[in-house]
Amino acid sequence: MSVLEKYLAGWTFRSNYPTFDAGDEVELFVTGREDGGQIARVGDSKLRIADAPGDLLDKRVRLKITSFDDDAHVGEAEYVETVGESAF
């Protein structure tokens, strides 16, 4: 292994389209509403939040991913709990 390979070991590039697996739990900010429901965005991926309280806009929440379409970059998630407030 060359010095350059050792230096670059473990480096990865972030994607504008992160993907999720069913069962994953993530903490995200609720960024808006769409079609009467609340959504959280991660880069260009969107998660629709099922059965969420109506006052979550701009709050940090824990979500459990229920499904995610890797091609459309859209998924469904269940609200677990609110874990923080926005800094703005």
C-alpha atoms as a PDB file:
ATOM      1  CA  MET A   1       0.000   0.000   0.000  1.00  0.00           C
ATOM      2  CA  SER A   2       1.453   3.345  -1.027  1.00  0.00           C
ATOM      3  CA  VAL A   3       1.666   6.385   1.230  1.00  0.00           C
ATOM      4  CA  LEU A   4      -1.122   8.040  -0.810  1.00  0.00           C
ATOM      5  CA  GLU A   5      -3.395   4.986  -0.429  1.00  0.00           C
ATOM      6  CA  LYS A   6      -2.764   4.985   3.324  1.00  0.00           C
ATOM      7  CA  TYR A   7      -3.514   8.704   3.504  1.00  0.00           C
ATOM      8  CA  LEU A   8      -6.768   8.369   1.551  1.00  0.00           C
ATOM      9  CA  ALA A   9      -7.942   5.170   3.301  1.00  0.00           C
ATOM     10  CA  GLY A  10     -11.487   5.531   4.562  1.00  0.00           C
ATOM     11  CA  TRP A  11     -12.251   8.743   2.671  1.00  0.00           C
ATOM     12  CA  THR A  12     -15.644   8.902   1.027  1.00  0.00           C
ATOM     13  CA  PHE A  13     -17.617  11.589  -0.760  1.00  0.00           C
ATOM     14  CA  ARG A  14     -20.962  12.762   0.573  1.00  0.00           C
ATOM     15  CA  SER A  15     -23.920  12.487  -1.728  1.00  0.00           C
ATOM     16  CA  ASN A  16     -26.717  14.963  -2.379  1.00  0.00           C
ATOM     17  CA  TYR A  17     -28.970  11.895  -2.410  1.00  0.00           C
ATOM     18  CA  PRO A  18     -28.400   9.910   0.784  1.00  0.00           C
ATOM     19  CA  THR A  19     -30.276   6.627   1.059  1.00  0.00           C
ATOM     20  CA  PHE A  20     -31.842   4.904   4.044  1.00  0.00           C
ATOM     21  CA  ASP A  21     -32.883   1.382   4.976  1.00  0.00           C
ATOM     22  CA  ALA A  22     -36.148   0.424   6.647  1.00  0.00           C
ATOM     23  CA  GLY A  23     -35.599   0.304  10.388  1.00  0.00           C
ATOM     24  CA  ASP A  24     -32.902   2.998  10.453  1.00  0.00           C
ATOM     25  CA  GLU A  25     -33.384   5.672  13.118  1.00  0.00           C
ATOM     26  CA  VAL A  26     -32.167   9.167  12.276  1.00  0.00           C
ATOM     27  CA  GLU A  27     -32.312  12.628  13.836  1.00  0.00           C
ATOM     28  CA  LEU A  28     -33.324  15.375  11.396  1.00  0.00           C
ATOM     29  CA  PHE A  29     -34.952  18.791  11.244  1.00  0.00           C
ATOM     30  CA  VAL A  30     -38.526  19.009   9.970  1.00  0.00           C
ATOM     31  CA  THR A  31     -38.203  21.462   7.088  1.00  0.00           C
ATOM     32  CA  GLY A  32     -41.676  21.904   5.678  1.00  0.00           C
ATOM     33  CA  ARG A  33     -45.093  20.658   4.729  1.00  0.00           C
ATOM     34  CA  GLU A  34     -46.141  18.887   1.564  1.00  0.00           C
ATOM     35  CA  ASP A  35     -49.553  17.495   0.608  1.00  0.00           C
ATOM     36  CA  GLY A  36     -50.858  18.111   4.128  1.00  0.00           C
ATOM     37  CA  GLY A  37     -48.019  16.210   5.823  1.00  0.00           C
ATOM     38  CA  GLN A  38     -44.673  17.183   7.279  1.00  0.00           C
ATOM     39  CA  ILE A  39     -41.361  16.411   5.626  1.00  0.00           C
ATOM     40  CA  ALA A  40     -37.696  16.303   6.513  1.00  0.00           C
ATOM     41  CA  ARG A  41     -35.055  16.825   3.849  1.00  0.00           C
ATOM     42  CA  VAL A  42     -31.536  15.419   3.796  1.00  0.00           C
ATOM     43  CA  GLY A  43     -29.712  16.899   0.844  1.00  0.00           C
ATOM     44  CA  ASP A  44     -32.061  16.273  -2.074  1.00  0.00           C
ATOM     45  CA  SER A  45     -33.731  13.261  -0.422  1.00  0.00           C
ATOM     46  CA  LYS A  46     -37.116  13.688   1.277  1.00  0.00           C
ATOM     47  CA  LEU A  47     -38.769  11.801   4.099  1.00  0.00           C
ATOM     48  CA  ARG A  48     -42.520  12.097   4.634  1.00  0.00           C
ATOM     49  CA  ILE A  49     -43.380  11.846   8.323  1.00  0.00           C
ATOM     50  CA  ALA A  50     -46.455   9.769   9.146  1.00  0.00           C
ATOM     51  CA  ASP A  51     -48.662  10.595  12.140  1.00  0.00           C
ATOM     52  CA  ALA A  52     -46.503  13.508  13.299  1.00  0.00           C
ATOM     53  CA  PRO A  53     -47.776  16.202  15.659  1.00  0.00           C
ATOM     54  CA  GLY A  54     -48.614  19.415  13.802  1.00  0.00           C
ATOM     55  CA  ASP A  55     -46.107  21.676  15.578  1.00  0.00           C
ATOM     56  CA  LEU A  56     -42.817  20.128  14.401  1.00  0.00           C
ATOM     57  CA  LEU A  57     -41.704  22.691  11.809  1.00  0.00           C
ATOM     58  CA  ASP A  58     -38.042  23.661  12.400  1.00  0.00           C
ATOM     59  CA  LYS A  59     -37.651  21.157  15.254  1.00  0.00           C
ATOM     60  CA  ARG A  60     -35.127  18.340  15.479  1.00  0.00           C
ATOM     61  CA  VAL A  61     -36.870  14.976  15.656  1.00  0.00           C
ATOM     62  CA  ARG A  62     -35.964  11.303  15.806  1.00  0.00           C
ATOM     63  CA  LEU A  63     -37.533   9.304  12.986  1.00  0.00           C
ATOM     64  CA  LYS A  64     -37.703   5.604  12.169  1.00  0.00           C
ATOM     65  CA  ILE A  65     -37.513   4.884   8.439  1.00  0.00           C
ATOM     66  CA  THR A  66     -40.353   2.645   7.254  1.00  0.00           C
ATOM     67  CA  SER A  67     -39.582   2.651   3.518  1.00  0.00           C
ATOM     68  CA  PHE A  68     -37.260   4.404   1.065  1.00  0.00           C
ATOM     69  CA  ASP A  69     -37.150   4.460  -2.747  1.00  0.00           C
ATOM     70  CA  ASP A  70     -33.489   4.758  -3.784  1.00  0.00           C
ATOM     71  CA  ASP A  71     -34.405   5.779  -7.345  1.00  0.00           C
ATOM     72  CA  ALA A  72     -36.857   8.568  -6.443  1.00  0.00           C
ATOM     73  CA  HIS A  73     -34.967   9.576  -3.263  1.00  0.00           C
ATOM     74  CA  VAL A  74     -38.232   9.724  -1.316  1.00  0.00           C
ATOM     75  CA  GLY A  75     -39.196   7.766   1.754  1.00  0.00           C
ATOM     76  CA  GLU A  76     -41.643   7.349   4.600  1.00  0.00           C
ATOM     77  CA  ALA A  77     -40.770   7.643   8.273  1.00  0.00           C
ATOM     78  CA  GLU A  78     -42.524   7.364  11.618  1.00  0.00           C
ATOM     79  CA  TYR A  79     -42.208  10.097  14.232  1.00  0.00           C
ATOM     80  CA  VAL A  80     -40.486   8.814  17.388  1.00  0.00           C
ATOM     81  CA  GLU A  81     -39.802  11.914  19.495  1.00  0.00           C
ATOM     82  CA  THR A  82     -38.759  15.560  19.442  1.00  0.00           C
ATOM     83  CA  VAL A  83     -35.120  15.911  20.496  1.00  0.00           C
ATOM     84  CA  GLY A  84     -34.447  19.632  20.067  1.00  0.00           C
ATOM     85  CA  GLU A  85     -35.396  23.102  18.934  1.00  0.00           C
ATOM     86  CA  SER A  86     -34.107  25.140  16.048  1.00  0.00           C
ATOM     87  CA  ALA A  87     -31.254  27.562  16.611  1.00  0.00           C
ATOM     88  CA  PHE A  88     -32.896  30.258  14.485  1.00  0.00           C
END
